[in-house]
Amino acid sequence: MSLRPLVLLSLFSLLVACGSDAPKTQPQPPTPGPAPQQAQKKAKESADLGPLPAYQRELSGTLQGIPTGAEVELALLVIDDKDRPQQLLASSSLIGTNQILPFRLRFNPDSFPLGARVELRGRASQSGQLILHLPAQRIDQPTSQALGQLQFVKAP
């Protein structure tokens, strides 16, 4: 995987985190595990999304096979003919708990390109090393969808 998608994903995550007002919730105890504080903070922000606004759509489901403390990154990407990511539509970060991990990934349906290949991709890393990846899930329509249980597999 090239460096460009990682930079785009990181930049987009930073813009989303800085550009939105977080809903006011009661403080929760920190998530146990060896994950860095920044990753835990990002994962908490992703989980506290509040109700779905009318102008957004959402992909939801559960992730299986994520060890405790692993940082999970999900991305909704536009993919070109050579299987390269061209545009980031949405991203989310979670922290693994060694149990089934629910996710919600919101996106703007207006930015969904007609006729282009759009995929949900994911990866899990622990101590900065890639350990698992999610086989690409094709998303054909810019609608809210429940994807069910998705299984992560060992990274090559």
N, C-alpha and C. Protein backbone atom coordinates (compact mmCIF):
# COMPACT_ATOMS: atom_id res chain seq x y z
N MET A 1 0.86 -1.17 0.00
CA MET A 1 0.00 0.00 0.00
C MET A 1 0.90 1.22 0.00
N SER A 2 0.58 2.19 -0.84
CA SER A 2 1.43 3.36 -0.94
C SER A 2 1.17 4.34 0.20
N LEU A 3 2.00 5.32 0.30
CA LEU A 3 1.92 6.30 1.38
C LEU A 3 0.80 7.31 1.16
N ARG A 4 0.43 7.55 -0.10
CA ARG A 4 -0.57 8.57 -0.40
C ARG A 4 -1.91 8.32 0.29
N PRO A 5 -2.50 7.09 0.22
CA PRO A 5 -3.77 6.88 0.91
C PRO A 5 -3.67 7.08 2.42
N LEU A 6 -2.54 6.71 3.00
CA LEU A 6 -2.37 6.89 4.44
C LEU A 6 -2.36 8.38 4.80
N VAL A 7 -1.67 9.17 3.99
CA VAL A 7 -1.61 10.62 4.24
C VAL A 7 -2.99 11.22 4.07
N LEU A 8 -3.72 10.82 3.02
CA LEU A 8 -5.07 11.33 2.80
C LEU A 8 -6.00 10.95 3.95
N LEU A 9 -5.91 9.71 4.39
CA LEU A 9 -6.74 9.25 5.49
C LEU A 9 -6.43 10.02 6.77
N SER A 10 -5.16 10.22 7.06
CA SER A 10 -4.77 10.96 8.27
C SER A 10 -5.22 12.41 8.20
N LEU A 11 -5.04 13.04 7.04
CA LEU A 11 -5.44 14.44 6.88
C LEU A 11 -6.94 14.58 7.01
N PHE A 12 -7.69 13.70 6.38
CA PHE A 12 -9.14 13.77 6.47
C PHE A 12 -9.61 13.56 7.91
N SER A 13 -9.02 12.60 8.61
CA SER A 13 -9.39 12.35 10.01
C SER A 13 -9.13 13.58 10.87
N LEU A 14 -8.01 14.24 10.63
CA LEU A 14 -7.68 15.44 11.38
C LEU A 14 -8.67 16.55 11.10
N LEU A 15 -9.05 16.73 9.82
CA LEU A 15 -10.02 17.76 9.47
C LEU A 15 -11.38 17.49 10.09
N VAL A 16 -11.80 16.24 10.08
CA VAL A 16 -13.09 15.89 10.67
C VAL A 16 -13.07 16.13 12.17
N ALA A 17 -11.99 15.75 12.83
CA ALA A 17 -11.90 15.91 14.28
C ALA A 17 -11.88 17.38 14.68
N CYS A 18 -11.22 18.22 13.90
CA CYS A 18 -11.10 19.63 14.24
C CYS A 18 -12.30 20.45 13.77
N GLY A 19 -13.02 19.98 12.77
CA GLY A 19 -14.05 20.80 12.17
C GLY A 19 -15.44 20.58 12.71
N SER A 20 -15.66 19.63 13.57
CA SER A 20 -17.02 19.38 14.04
C SER A 20 -17.08 19.57 15.56
N ASP A 21 -18.27 19.94 16.00
CA ASP A 21 -18.50 20.07 17.43
C ASP A 21 -18.87 18.71 17.98
N ALA A 22 -18.15 18.26 18.97
CA ALA A 22 -18.43 16.96 19.57
C ALA A 22 -19.68 17.09 20.44
N PRO A 23 -20.60 16.12 20.38
CA PRO A 23 -21.78 16.19 21.24
C PRO A 23 -21.37 16.05 22.70
N LYS A 24 -22.12 16.72 23.56
CA LYS A 24 -21.80 16.70 24.98
C LYS A 24 -22.32 15.39 25.57
N THR A 25 -21.41 14.61 26.13
CA THR A 25 -21.76 13.34 26.76
C THR A 25 -21.07 13.26 28.10
N GLN A 26 -21.52 12.31 28.90
CA GLN A 26 -20.87 12.10 30.18
C GLN A 26 -19.52 11.44 29.95
N PRO A 27 -18.51 11.84 30.72
CA PRO A 27 -17.21 11.21 30.55
C PRO A 27 -17.28 9.72 30.84
N GLN A 28 -16.56 8.95 30.03
CA GLN A 28 -16.51 7.51 30.22
C GLN A 28 -15.11 7.14 30.67
N PRO A 29 -14.99 6.04 31.40
CA PRO A 29 -13.64 5.63 31.82
C PRO A 29 -12.80 5.30 30.60
N PRO A 30 -11.50 5.50 30.68
CA PRO A 30 -10.64 5.21 29.53
C PRO A 30 -10.67 3.74 29.18
N THR A 31 -10.51 3.47 27.88
CA THR A 31 -10.50 2.10 27.39
C THR A 31 -9.21 1.42 27.82
N PRO A 32 -9.30 0.25 28.45
CA PRO A 32 -8.08 -0.42 28.86
C PRO A 32 -7.33 -0.97 27.65
N GLY A 33 -6.03 -1.14 27.79
CA GLY A 33 -5.24 -1.72 26.72
C GLY A 33 -4.03 -0.88 26.41
N PRO A 34 -3.13 -1.42 25.60
CA PRO A 34 -1.88 -0.73 25.32
C PRO A 34 -1.97 0.30 24.19
N ALA A 35 -3.17 0.60 23.67
CA ALA A 35 -3.29 1.55 22.57
C ALA A 35 -2.88 2.95 23.03
N PRO A 36 -2.26 3.72 22.15
CA PRO A 36 -1.85 5.08 22.51
C PRO A 36 -3.06 5.96 22.84
N GLN A 37 -2.82 6.99 23.63
CA GLN A 37 -3.90 7.89 24.06
C GLN A 37 -4.58 8.56 22.88
N GLN A 38 -3.81 8.98 21.89
CA GLN A 38 -4.38 9.65 20.73
C GLN A 38 -5.34 8.73 19.99
N ALA A 39 -4.98 7.47 19.83
CA ALA A 39 -5.85 6.51 19.15
C ALA A 39 -7.13 6.28 19.96
N GLN A 40 -7.00 6.21 21.27
CA GLN A 40 -8.19 6.04 22.11
C GLN A 40 -9.11 7.23 21.99
N LYS A 41 -8.54 8.43 21.95
CA LYS A 41 -9.35 9.65 21.83
C LYS A 41 -10.08 9.67 20.49
N LYS A 42 -9.39 9.31 19.42
CA LYS A 42 -9.99 9.28 18.09
C LYS A 42 -11.11 8.25 18.03
N ALA A 43 -10.90 7.10 18.63
CA ALA A 43 -11.90 6.05 18.63
C ALA A 43 -13.14 6.48 19.41
N LYS A 44 -12.95 7.18 20.52
CA LYS A 44 -14.08 7.65 21.31
C LYS A 44 -14.90 8.67 20.53
N GLU A 45 -14.22 9.58 19.82
CA GLU A 45 -14.93 10.56 19.01
C GLU A 45 -15.75 9.89 17.92
N SER A 46 -15.22 8.82 17.32
CA SER A 46 -15.94 8.09 16.27
C SER A 46 -17.19 7.41 16.83
N ALA A 47 -17.11 6.94 18.06
CA ALA A 47 -18.23 6.23 18.67
C ALA A 47 -19.33 7.19 19.12
N ASP A 48 -19.01 8.42 19.46
CA ASP A 48 -19.97 9.39 19.98
C ASP A 48 -20.50 10.28 18.85
N LEU A 49 -21.15 9.70 17.86
CA LEU A 49 -21.60 10.46 16.69
C LEU A 49 -22.95 11.12 16.89
N GLY A 50 -23.78 10.61 17.77
CA GLY A 50 -25.10 11.16 17.95
C GLY A 50 -26.04 10.70 16.84
N PRO A 51 -27.23 11.34 16.73
CA PRO A 51 -28.19 10.92 15.71
C PRO A 51 -27.69 11.25 14.30
N LEU A 52 -28.15 10.48 13.32
CA LEU A 52 -27.74 10.64 11.92
C LEU A 52 -28.44 11.87 11.33
N PRO A 53 -27.67 12.88 10.87
CA PRO A 53 -28.29 14.04 10.22
C PRO A 53 -28.94 13.64 8.89
N ALA A 54 -29.92 14.41 8.45
CA ALA A 54 -30.66 14.10 7.23
C ALA A 54 -29.79 14.13 5.99
N TYR A 55 -28.72 14.91 5.99
CA TYR A 55 -27.88 15.05 4.80
C TYR A 55 -26.77 13.99 4.73
N GLN A 56 -26.72 13.05 5.67
CA GLN A 56 -25.70 12.02 5.67
C GLN A 56 -26.32 10.63 5.55
N ARG A 57 -25.48 9.68 5.15
CA ARG A 57 -25.85 8.27 5.12
C ARG A 57 -24.82 7.52 5.97
N GLU A 58 -25.12 6.26 6.28
CA GLU A 58 -24.27 5.54 7.23
C GLU A 58 -24.12 4.08 6.84
N LEU A 59 -22.89 3.58 6.92
CA LEU A 59 -22.61 2.16 6.81
C LEU A 59 -22.43 1.65 8.23
N SER A 60 -23.05 0.55 8.57
CA SER A 60 -22.91 0.03 9.93
C SER A 60 -22.77 -1.48 9.88
N GLY A 61 -22.32 -2.03 10.98
CA GLY A 61 -22.15 -3.47 11.10
C GLY A 61 -21.26 -3.78 12.28
N THR A 62 -20.68 -4.96 12.26
CA THR A 62 -19.77 -5.36 13.32
C THR A 62 -18.51 -5.95 12.71
N LEU A 63 -17.41 -5.81 13.44
CA LEU A 63 -16.11 -6.32 13.01
C LEU A 63 -15.72 -7.47 13.93
N GLN A 64 -15.17 -8.53 13.36
CA GLN A 64 -14.76 -9.69 14.15
C GLN A 64 -13.26 -9.90 14.01
N GLY A 65 -12.68 -10.47 15.06
CA GLY A 65 -11.29 -10.87 15.01
C GLY A 65 -10.29 -9.77 15.34
N ILE A 66 -10.71 -8.73 16.06
CA ILE A 66 -9.82 -7.63 16.40
C ILE A 66 -9.30 -7.84 17.82
N PRO A 67 -7.97 -7.99 18.00
CA PRO A 67 -7.44 -8.19 19.35
C PRO A 67 -7.56 -6.93 20.22
N THR A 68 -7.51 -7.13 21.51
CA THR A 68 -7.59 -6.03 22.47
C THR A 68 -6.46 -5.03 22.24
N GLY A 69 -6.82 -3.76 22.17
CA GLY A 69 -5.84 -2.69 22.04
C GLY A 69 -5.40 -2.39 20.62
N ALA A 70 -5.83 -3.17 19.64
CA ALA A 70 -5.44 -2.91 18.25
C ALA A 70 -6.21 -1.70 17.74
N GLU A 71 -5.54 -0.84 16.99
CA GLU A 71 -6.18 0.33 16.39
C GLU A 71 -6.74 -0.07 15.03
N VAL A 72 -8.03 0.12 14.86
CA VAL A 72 -8.72 -0.24 13.62
C VAL A 72 -9.05 1.03 12.86
N GLU A 73 -8.74 1.04 11.58
CA GLU A 73 -9.08 2.16 10.71
C GLU A 73 -9.94 1.64 9.57
N LEU A 74 -11.11 2.28 9.39
CA LEU A 74 -12.00 1.96 8.28
C LEU A 74 -12.03 3.16 7.35
N ALA A 75 -12.10 2.91 6.04
CA ALA A 75 -12.14 4.00 5.07
C ALA A 75 -13.07 3.63 3.93
N LEU A 76 -13.89 4.59 3.52
CA LEU A 76 -14.73 4.45 2.34
C LEU A 76 -14.00 5.19 1.22
N LEU A 77 -13.55 4.45 0.20
CA LEU A 77 -12.65 4.99 -0.82
C LEU A 77 -13.20 4.80 -2.22
N VAL A 78 -12.90 5.77 -3.10
CA VAL A 78 -13.13 5.62 -4.53
C VAL A 78 -11.87 4.96 -5.08
N ILE A 79 -12.05 3.86 -5.83
CA ILE A 79 -10.94 3.04 -6.33
C ILE A 79 -10.88 3.13 -7.85
N ASP A 80 -9.67 3.28 -8.41
CA ASP A 80 -9.51 3.35 -9.86
C ASP A 80 -9.39 1.96 -10.47
N ASP A 81 -9.17 1.90 -11.80
CA ASP A 81 -9.09 0.62 -12.52
C ASP A 81 -7.90 -0.23 -12.10
N LYS A 82 -6.88 0.38 -11.51
CA LYS A 82 -5.68 -0.35 -11.09
C LYS A 82 -5.69 -0.66 -9.59
N ASP A 83 -6.87 -0.63 -8.98
CA ASP A 83 -7.06 -0.91 -7.55
C ASP A 83 -6.35 0.07 -6.63
N ARG A 84 -6.19 1.30 -7.08
CA ARG A 84 -5.57 2.34 -6.25
C ARG A 84 -6.62 3.29 -5.71
N PRO A 85 -6.54 3.66 -4.44
CA PRO A 85 -7.47 4.65 -3.89
C PRO A 85 -7.27 6.01 -4.55
N GLN A 86 -8.38 6.65 -4.94
CA GLN A 86 -8.31 7.96 -5.58
C GLN A 86 -8.92 9.07 -4.74
N GLN A 87 -9.90 8.72 -3.91
CA GLN A 87 -10.58 9.73 -3.11
C GLN A 87 -11.09 9.09 -1.83
N LEU A 88 -10.94 9.82 -0.72
CA LEU A 88 -11.45 9.37 0.57
C LEU A 88 -12.82 10.00 0.78
N LEU A 89 -13.84 9.17 0.98
CA LEU A 89 -15.19 9.67 1.21
C LEU A 89 -15.53 9.74 2.69
N ALA A 90 -14.98 8.83 3.49
CA ALA A 90 -15.23 8.81 4.94
C ALA A 90 -14.21 7.89 5.60
N SER A 91 -13.96 8.14 6.88
CA SER A 91 -13.06 7.28 7.63
C SER A 91 -13.49 7.25 9.09
N SER A 92 -13.03 6.21 9.79
CA SER A 92 -13.36 6.03 11.19
C SER A 92 -12.24 5.24 11.86
N SER A 93 -12.03 5.50 13.15
CA SER A 93 -11.03 4.76 13.93
C SER A 93 -11.71 4.15 15.15
N LEU A 94 -11.31 2.94 15.47
CA LEU A 94 -11.84 2.22 16.63
C LEU A 94 -10.70 1.52 17.34
N ILE A 95 -10.95 1.08 18.56
CA ILE A 95 -9.97 0.30 19.32
C ILE A 95 -10.55 -1.09 19.57
N GLY A 96 -9.78 -2.11 19.23
CA GLY A 96 -10.21 -3.50 19.38
C GLY A 96 -10.40 -3.90 20.83
N THR A 97 -11.34 -4.81 21.07
CA THR A 97 -11.64 -5.28 22.42
C THR A 97 -11.61 -6.81 22.52
N ASN A 98 -11.17 -7.49 21.46
CA ASN A 98 -11.17 -8.95 21.38
C ASN A 98 -12.58 -9.52 21.45
N GLN A 99 -13.57 -8.69 21.13
CA GLN A 99 -14.96 -9.09 21.04
C GLN A 99 -15.51 -8.51 19.75
N ILE A 100 -16.77 -8.79 19.45
CA ILE A 100 -17.39 -8.20 18.28
C ILE A 100 -17.44 -6.69 18.48
N LEU A 101 -16.96 -5.94 17.48
CA LEU A 101 -16.80 -4.50 17.58
C LEU A 101 -17.78 -3.80 16.63
N PRO A 102 -18.79 -3.10 17.16
CA PRO A 102 -19.73 -2.40 16.27
C PRO A 102 -19.07 -1.16 15.65
N PHE A 103 -19.47 -0.84 14.41
CA PHE A 103 -18.96 0.36 13.77
C PHE A 103 -20.09 1.10 13.06
N ARG A 104 -19.89 2.40 12.91
CA ARG A 104 -20.79 3.27 12.15
C ARG A 104 -19.90 4.23 11.37
N LEU A 105 -20.03 4.23 10.06
CA LEU A 105 -19.22 5.09 9.20
C LEU A 105 -20.17 5.97 8.40
N ARG A 106 -20.12 7.27 8.67
CA ARG A 106 -21.01 8.22 8.02
C ARG A 106 -20.34 8.86 6.82
N PHE A 107 -21.15 9.16 5.80
CA PHE A 107 -20.63 9.81 4.60
C PHE A 107 -21.70 10.68 3.98
N ASN A 108 -21.27 11.60 3.12
CA ASN A 108 -22.18 12.48 2.41
C ASN A 108 -22.55 11.82 1.08
N PRO A 109 -23.81 11.52 0.84
CA PRO A 109 -24.18 10.84 -0.41
C PRO A 109 -23.92 11.71 -1.64
N ASP A 110 -23.86 13.02 -1.48
CA ASP A 110 -23.60 13.91 -2.62
C ASP A 110 -22.17 13.76 -3.14
N SER A 111 -21.25 13.31 -2.30
CA SER A 111 -19.86 13.14 -2.74
C SER A 111 -19.61 11.75 -3.32
N PHE A 112 -20.62 10.89 -3.30
CA PHE A 112 -20.52 9.53 -3.83
C PHE A 112 -20.55 9.61 -5.36
N PRO A 113 -19.46 9.25 -6.05
CA PRO A 113 -19.41 9.39 -7.50
C PRO A 113 -20.23 8.31 -8.21
N LEU A 114 -21.06 8.73 -9.16
CA LEU A 114 -21.88 7.78 -9.92
C LEU A 114 -21.00 7.03 -10.91
N GLY A 115 -21.17 5.75 -10.98
CA GLY A 115 -20.43 4.93 -11.93
C GLY A 115 -19.03 4.56 -11.50
N ALA A 116 -18.53 5.10 -10.42
CA ALA A 116 -17.18 4.77 -9.94
C ALA A 116 -17.26 3.59 -8.97
N ARG A 117 -16.13 2.93 -8.79
CA ARG A 117 -16.04 1.81 -7.84
C ARG A 117 -15.73 2.38 -6.45
N VAL A 118 -16.60 2.09 -5.50
CA VAL A 118 -16.42 2.55 -4.12
C VAL A 118 -16.33 1.32 -3.23
N GLU A 119 -15.34 1.32 -2.34
CA GLU A 119 -15.12 0.18 -1.46
C GLU A 119 -14.90 0.63 -0.03
N LEU A 120 -15.34 -0.23 0.89
CA LEU A 120 -15.01 -0.08 2.30
C LEU A 120 -13.78 -0.94 2.54
N ARG A 121 -12.72 -0.32 3.04
CA ARG A 121 -11.49 -1.04 3.35
C ARG A 121 -11.14 -0.79 4.81
N GLY A 122 -10.43 -1.73 5.40
CA GLY A 122 -10.06 -1.58 6.79
C GLY A 122 -8.75 -2.27 7.09
N ARG A 123 -8.11 -1.79 8.16
CA ARG A 123 -6.88 -2.40 8.62
C ARG A 123 -6.80 -2.26 10.13
N ALA A 124 -6.06 -3.16 10.74
CA ALA A 124 -5.84 -3.12 12.18
C ALA A 124 -4.34 -3.18 12.42
N SER A 125 -3.87 -2.32 13.31
CA SER A 125 -2.45 -2.31 13.63
C SER A 125 -2.28 -2.33 15.13
N GLN A 126 -1.17 -2.89 15.55
CA GLN A 126 -0.84 -2.94 16.96
C GLN A 126 0.62 -2.56 17.10
N SER A 127 0.90 -1.61 17.96
CA SER A 127 2.26 -1.08 18.15
C SER A 127 2.84 -0.59 16.82
N GLY A 128 1.99 0.00 16.00
CA GLY A 128 2.44 0.57 14.74
C GLY A 128 2.66 -0.43 13.62
N GLN A 129 2.35 -1.70 13.84
CA GLN A 129 2.58 -2.73 12.83
C GLN A 129 1.23 -3.28 12.36
N LEU A 130 1.08 -3.37 11.03
CA LEU A 130 -0.13 -3.91 10.44
C LEU A 130 -0.26 -5.40 10.80
N ILE A 131 -1.40 -5.77 11.40
CA ILE A 131 -1.59 -7.17 11.78
C ILE A 131 -2.76 -7.82 11.05
N LEU A 132 -3.79 -7.04 10.72
CA LEU A 132 -4.99 -7.57 10.07
C LEU A 132 -5.48 -6.59 9.01
N HIS A 133 -6.25 -7.11 8.06
CA HIS A 133 -6.92 -6.24 7.11
C HIS A 133 -8.31 -6.79 6.81
N LEU A 134 -9.16 -5.90 6.34
CA LEU A 134 -10.53 -6.27 5.97
C LEU A 134 -10.57 -6.44 4.46
N PRO A 135 -10.98 -7.60 3.97
CA PRO A 135 -11.14 -7.73 2.52
C PRO A 135 -12.10 -6.65 2.02
N ALA A 136 -11.78 -6.06 0.88
CA ALA A 136 -12.56 -4.94 0.34
C ALA A 136 -14.04 -5.31 0.20
N GLN A 137 -14.89 -4.41 0.67
CA GLN A 137 -16.34 -4.58 0.58
C GLN A 137 -16.86 -3.53 -0.42
N ARG A 138 -17.41 -3.97 -1.53
CA ARG A 138 -17.91 -3.04 -2.55
C ARG A 138 -19.21 -2.41 -2.07
N ILE A 139 -19.30 -1.09 -2.23
CA ILE A 139 -20.49 -0.32 -1.87
C ILE A 139 -21.03 0.28 -3.16
N ASP A 140 -22.19 -0.19 -3.61
CA ASP A 140 -22.72 0.22 -4.91
C ASP A 140 -23.66 1.42 -4.86
N GLN A 141 -24.32 1.64 -3.74
CA GLN A 141 -25.31 2.70 -3.64
C GLN A 141 -24.98 3.66 -2.50
N PRO A 142 -25.23 4.96 -2.68
CA PRO A 142 -24.99 5.93 -1.60
C PRO A 142 -26.15 5.99 -0.61
N THR A 143 -26.49 4.84 -0.04
CA THR A 143 -27.59 4.76 0.91
C THR A 143 -27.09 4.20 2.23
N SER A 144 -27.86 4.38 3.27
CA SER A 144 -27.52 3.78 4.56
C SER A 144 -27.67 2.27 4.41
N GLN A 145 -26.65 1.54 4.90
CA GLN A 145 -26.65 0.09 4.74
C GLN A 145 -26.11 -0.58 6.00
N ALA A 146 -26.71 -1.69 6.35
CA ALA A 146 -26.19 -2.54 7.42
C ALA A 146 -25.42 -3.67 6.74
N LEU A 147 -24.12 -3.72 6.96
CA LEU A 147 -23.26 -4.69 6.29
C LEU A 147 -23.13 -6.01 7.03
N GLY A 148 -23.67 -6.08 8.23
CA GLY A 148 -23.61 -7.33 9.00
C GLY A 148 -22.23 -7.51 9.63
N GLN A 149 -21.84 -8.77 9.83
CA GLN A 149 -20.57 -9.08 10.46
C GLN A 149 -19.47 -9.18 9.41
N LEU A 150 -18.42 -8.39 9.59
CA LEU A 150 -17.28 -8.40 8.70
C LEU A 150 -16.09 -9.00 9.43
N GLN A 151 -15.38 -9.91 8.79
CA GLN A 151 -14.27 -10.63 9.41
C GLN A 151 -12.94 -10.06 8.93
N PHE A 152 -12.10 -9.64 9.85
CA PHE A 152 -10.73 -9.25 9.53
C PHE A 152 -9.90 -10.51 9.35
N VAL A 153 -8.90 -10.44 8.46
CA VAL A 153 -8.01 -11.57 8.22
C VAL A 153 -6.56 -11.11 8.41
N LYS A 154 -5.66 -12.07 8.60
CA LYS A 154 -4.25 -11.74 8.82
C LYS A 154 -3.68 -11.00 7.62
N ALA A 155 -2.90 -9.98 7.92
CA ALA A 155 -2.25 -9.21 6.86
C ALA A 155 -1.12 -10.03 6.26
N PRO A 156 -0.91 -9.92 4.95
CA PRO A 156 0.18 -10.67 4.32
C PRO A 156 1.54 -10.13 4.73
